[in-house]
């Protein structure tokens, strides 16, 4: 028994077959913090109006600013499309 040594894995081996544990077994990774140092809030929603057939008509409630044409009612005007 005096010729046997306990291996790091827990079993007994002779001096000829004994080996120390590899140093790479003790390496520990550096703790990472993946969060950025600062963040900004997401931008507010941007609503863009665009000209439509009903928007070009000079009818109150249907006209869109910078799209409406004075005294114009489109032949394809549909009052059911107004919001």
N, C-alpha and C. Protein backbone atom coordinates (compact mmCIF):
# COMPACT_ATOMS: atom_id res chain seq x y z
N UNK A 1 0.82 -1.19 0.00
CA UNK A 1 0.00 0.00 0.00
C UNK A 1 0.87 1.25 0.00
N UNK A 2 2.09 1.16 0.49
CA UNK A 2 2.97 2.32 0.55
C UNK A 2 3.43 2.73 -0.84
N UNK A 3 3.35 1.85 -1.81
CA UNK A 3 3.74 2.20 -3.17
C UNK A 3 2.59 2.82 -3.95
N UNK A 4 1.41 2.77 -3.42
CA UNK A 4 0.23 3.30 -4.12
C UNK A 4 -0.01 4.75 -3.69
N UNK A 5 -0.52 5.51 -4.63
CA UNK A 5 -0.91 6.90 -4.35
C UNK A 5 -2.34 7.11 -4.82
N UNK A 6 -2.98 7.98 -4.10
CA UNK A 6 -4.37 8.28 -4.46
C UNK A 6 -4.37 9.29 -5.61
N UNK A 7 -5.03 8.92 -6.67
CA UNK A 7 -5.14 9.77 -7.86
C UNK A 7 -6.18 10.86 -7.60
N UNK A 8 -6.09 11.98 -8.32
CA UNK A 8 -7.02 13.10 -8.09
C UNK A 8 -8.45 12.73 -8.44
N UNK A 9 -8.64 11.65 -9.22
CA UNK A 9 -10.00 11.21 -9.53
C UNK A 9 -10.56 10.27 -8.46
N UNK A 10 -9.74 9.97 -7.48
CA UNK A 10 -10.25 9.20 -6.35
C UNK A 10 -9.79 7.75 -6.29
N UNK A 11 -9.17 7.22 -7.31
CA UNK A 11 -8.73 5.83 -7.25
C UNK A 11 -7.23 5.76 -6.97
N UNK A 12 -6.80 4.56 -6.60
CA UNK A 12 -5.40 4.36 -6.22
C UNK A 12 -4.62 3.85 -7.42
N UNK A 13 -3.39 4.39 -7.59
CA UNK A 13 -2.53 3.97 -8.69
C UNK A 13 -1.11 3.79 -8.15
N UNK A 14 -0.29 3.06 -8.91
CA UNK A 14 1.12 2.92 -8.53
C UNK A 14 1.86 4.19 -8.92
N UNK A 15 3.07 4.36 -8.38
CA UNK A 15 3.84 5.58 -8.65
C UNK A 15 4.10 5.78 -10.14
N UNK A 16 4.22 4.71 -10.86
CA UNK A 16 4.54 4.81 -12.28
C UNK A 16 3.38 5.40 -13.08
N UNK A 17 2.16 5.15 -12.67
CA UNK A 17 0.99 5.62 -13.41
C UNK A 17 0.34 6.86 -12.80
N UNK A 18 0.87 7.34 -11.72
CA UNK A 18 0.28 8.53 -11.08
C UNK A 18 0.66 9.78 -11.86
N UNK A 19 -0.30 10.66 -12.04
CA UNK A 19 -0.04 11.94 -12.70
C UNK A 19 -0.83 13.03 -11.98
N UNK A 20 -0.23 14.18 -11.95
CA UNK A 20 -0.89 15.31 -11.28
C UNK A 20 -2.04 15.81 -12.15
N UNK A 21 -2.92 16.48 -11.50
CA UNK A 21 -4.05 17.05 -12.25
C UNK A 21 -3.54 18.20 -13.12
N UNK A 22 -4.08 18.29 -14.31
CA UNK A 22 -3.63 19.30 -15.26
C UNK A 22 -4.03 20.70 -14.78
N UNK A 23 -3.13 21.69 -14.89
CA UNK A 23 -3.44 23.05 -14.43
C UNK A 23 -4.64 23.68 -15.14
N UNK A 24 -4.92 23.27 -16.37
CA UNK A 24 -6.07 23.84 -17.10
C UNK A 24 -7.39 23.44 -16.46
N UNK A 25 -7.39 22.41 -15.62
CA UNK A 25 -8.62 22.03 -14.92
C UNK A 25 -9.03 23.09 -13.89
N UNK A 26 -8.11 23.96 -13.50
CA UNK A 26 -8.39 24.95 -12.48
C UNK A 26 -8.67 26.35 -13.04
N UNK A 27 -8.62 26.46 -14.34
CA UNK A 27 -8.86 27.76 -14.97
C UNK A 27 -10.34 28.12 -14.84
N UNK A 28 -10.59 29.35 -14.44
CA UNK A 28 -11.96 29.84 -14.33
C UNK A 28 -12.13 31.00 -15.29
N UNK A 29 -13.24 31.06 -16.00
CA UNK A 29 -13.43 32.17 -16.94
C UNK A 29 -13.64 33.49 -16.20
N UNK A 30 -13.31 34.55 -16.87
CA UNK A 30 -13.54 35.88 -16.32
C UNK A 30 -15.04 36.15 -16.39
N UNK A 31 -15.59 36.64 -15.30
CA UNK A 31 -17.02 36.94 -15.29
C UNK A 31 -17.32 38.05 -16.28
N UNK A 32 -18.33 37.83 -17.12
CA UNK A 32 -18.69 38.81 -18.12
C UNK A 32 -19.94 39.57 -17.68
N UNK A 33 -19.97 40.83 -18.03
CA UNK A 33 -21.15 41.65 -17.81
C UNK A 33 -21.57 42.19 -19.17
N UNK A 34 -22.48 41.51 -19.87
CA UNK A 34 -22.79 41.88 -21.25
C UNK A 34 -23.65 43.14 -21.39
N UNK A 35 -24.09 43.71 -20.29
CA UNK A 35 -24.93 44.91 -20.41
C UNK A 35 -24.06 46.12 -20.71
N UNK A 36 -24.54 46.99 -21.58
CA UNK A 36 -23.77 48.20 -21.88
C UNK A 36 -23.77 49.15 -20.69
N UNK A 37 -22.80 50.06 -20.62
CA UNK A 37 -22.73 50.96 -19.47
C UNK A 37 -23.91 51.92 -19.39
N UNK A 38 -24.55 52.20 -20.52
CA UNK A 38 -25.73 53.07 -20.50
C UNK A 38 -26.62 52.69 -21.67
N UNK A 39 -27.89 52.96 -21.54
CA UNK A 39 -28.85 52.72 -22.62
C UNK A 39 -29.76 53.93 -22.71
N UNK A 40 -30.32 54.12 -23.88
CA UNK A 40 -31.28 55.21 -24.02
C UNK A 40 -32.63 54.60 -24.35
N UNK A 41 -33.69 55.30 -23.97
CA UNK A 41 -35.02 54.74 -24.23
C UNK A 41 -35.30 54.71 -25.73
N UNK A 42 -36.17 53.82 -26.16
CA UNK A 42 -36.50 53.78 -27.58
C UNK A 42 -37.19 55.08 -28.00
N UNK A 43 -37.00 55.46 -29.24
CA UNK A 43 -37.62 56.71 -29.69
C UNK A 43 -39.14 56.60 -29.70
N UNK A 44 -39.78 57.74 -29.58
CA UNK A 44 -41.25 57.77 -29.62
C UNK A 44 -41.72 57.43 -31.02
N UNK A 45 -42.94 56.94 -31.11
CA UNK A 45 -43.51 56.62 -32.41
C UNK A 45 -43.65 57.88 -33.25
N UNK A 46 -43.35 57.75 -34.52
CA UNK A 46 -43.47 58.86 -35.44
C UNK A 46 -44.58 58.54 -36.42
N UNK A 47 -45.59 59.39 -36.46
CA UNK A 47 -46.71 59.18 -37.35
C UNK A 47 -46.57 60.12 -38.53
N UNK A 48 -46.65 59.57 -39.72
CA UNK A 48 -46.50 60.34 -40.94
C UNK A 48 -47.81 60.28 -41.70
N UNK A 49 -48.33 61.44 -42.03
CA UNK A 49 -49.54 61.46 -42.85
C UNK A 49 -49.14 61.47 -44.31
N UNK A 50 -49.96 60.87 -45.14
CA UNK A 50 -49.71 60.87 -46.57
C UNK A 50 -51.01 61.19 -47.27
N UNK A 51 -50.89 61.71 -48.45
CA UNK A 51 -52.06 62.13 -49.22
C UNK A 51 -52.83 60.92 -49.74
N UNK A 52 -54.15 61.01 -49.60
CA UNK A 52 -55.04 59.98 -50.14
C UNK A 52 -56.05 60.69 -51.03
N UNK A 53 -56.86 59.92 -51.73
CA UNK A 53 -57.88 60.54 -52.59
C UNK A 53 -58.86 61.36 -51.76
N UNK A 54 -59.28 60.82 -50.63
CA UNK A 54 -60.19 61.59 -49.77
C UNK A 54 -59.47 62.76 -49.11
N UNK A 55 -58.19 62.65 -48.88
CA UNK A 55 -57.43 63.71 -48.23
C UNK A 55 -57.24 64.93 -49.13
N UNK A 56 -57.30 64.75 -50.44
CA UNK A 56 -57.14 65.89 -51.36
C UNK A 56 -58.43 66.67 -51.52
N UNK A 57 -59.55 66.13 -51.08
CA UNK A 57 -60.85 66.82 -51.21
C UNK A 57 -60.94 67.94 -50.19
N UNK A 58 -61.66 69.00 -50.57
CA UNK A 58 -61.83 70.15 -49.68
C UNK A 58 -63.07 69.99 -48.83
N UNK A 59 -63.19 68.86 -48.17
CA UNK A 59 -64.35 68.59 -47.33
C UNK A 59 -63.85 68.53 -45.89
N UNK A 60 -64.51 69.30 -45.01
CA UNK A 60 -64.09 69.36 -43.62
C UNK A 60 -64.16 67.97 -43.01
N UNK A 61 -63.13 67.59 -42.34
CA UNK A 61 -63.07 66.28 -41.71
C UNK A 61 -62.38 65.24 -42.57
N UNK A 62 -62.30 65.50 -43.87
CA UNK A 62 -61.62 64.57 -44.78
C UNK A 62 -60.29 65.11 -45.24
N UNK A 63 -60.16 66.44 -45.30
CA UNK A 63 -58.96 67.07 -45.84
C UNK A 63 -57.75 66.80 -44.95
N UNK A 64 -56.61 66.60 -45.60
CA UNK A 64 -55.35 66.41 -44.90
C UNK A 64 -54.50 67.65 -45.15
N UNK A 65 -53.87 68.16 -44.12
CA UNK A 65 -53.05 69.36 -44.22
C UNK A 65 -51.97 69.15 -45.28
N UNK A 66 -51.77 70.15 -46.11
CA UNK A 66 -50.80 70.16 -47.20
C UNK A 66 -51.14 69.20 -48.34
N UNK A 67 -52.30 68.56 -48.29
CA UNK A 67 -52.74 67.70 -49.39
C UNK A 67 -54.02 68.24 -50.04
N UNK A 68 -54.86 68.89 -49.24
CA UNK A 68 -56.16 69.33 -49.71
C UNK A 68 -56.01 70.43 -50.77
N UNK A 69 -56.91 70.38 -51.74
CA UNK A 69 -56.96 71.38 -52.80
C UNK A 69 -58.26 72.16 -52.62
N UNK A 70 -58.13 73.48 -52.63
CA UNK A 70 -59.29 74.34 -52.39
C UNK A 70 -60.36 74.09 -53.45
N UNK A 71 -61.63 74.00 -53.03
CA UNK A 71 -62.81 73.80 -53.88
C UNK A 71 -62.70 72.57 -54.78
N UNK A 72 -62.06 71.55 -54.31
CA UNK A 72 -61.93 70.33 -55.11
C UNK A 72 -62.59 69.18 -54.39
N UNK A 73 -63.40 68.43 -55.15
CA UNK A 73 -63.98 67.19 -54.64
C UNK A 73 -63.67 66.13 -55.69
N UNK A 74 -62.94 65.14 -55.29
CA UNK A 74 -62.54 64.08 -56.21
C UNK A 74 -63.74 63.30 -56.69
N UNK A 75 -63.78 62.94 -57.97
CA UNK A 75 -64.89 62.11 -58.47
C UNK A 75 -64.94 60.75 -57.77
N UNK A 76 -63.81 60.33 -57.22
CA UNK A 76 -63.79 59.04 -56.53
C UNK A 76 -63.92 59.19 -55.02
N UNK A 77 -64.41 60.35 -54.54
CA UNK A 77 -64.56 60.59 -53.10
C UNK A 77 -65.53 59.58 -52.50
N UNK A 78 -65.15 58.95 -51.42
CA UNK A 78 -65.99 57.97 -50.74
C UNK A 78 -66.06 58.35 -49.27
N UNK A 79 -67.21 58.86 -48.83
CA UNK A 79 -67.32 59.30 -47.43
C UNK A 79 -67.20 58.17 -46.41
N UNK A 80 -67.33 56.92 -46.81
CA UNK A 80 -67.23 55.81 -45.88
C UNK A 80 -65.78 55.53 -45.50
N UNK A 81 -64.81 56.09 -46.25
CA UNK A 81 -63.40 55.87 -45.94
C UNK A 81 -62.86 56.84 -44.93
N UNK A 82 -63.63 57.87 -44.58
CA UNK A 82 -63.17 58.85 -43.60
C UNK A 82 -63.12 58.23 -42.23
N UNK A 83 -62.11 58.65 -41.49
CA UNK A 83 -61.95 58.14 -40.11
C UNK A 83 -62.72 58.96 -39.14
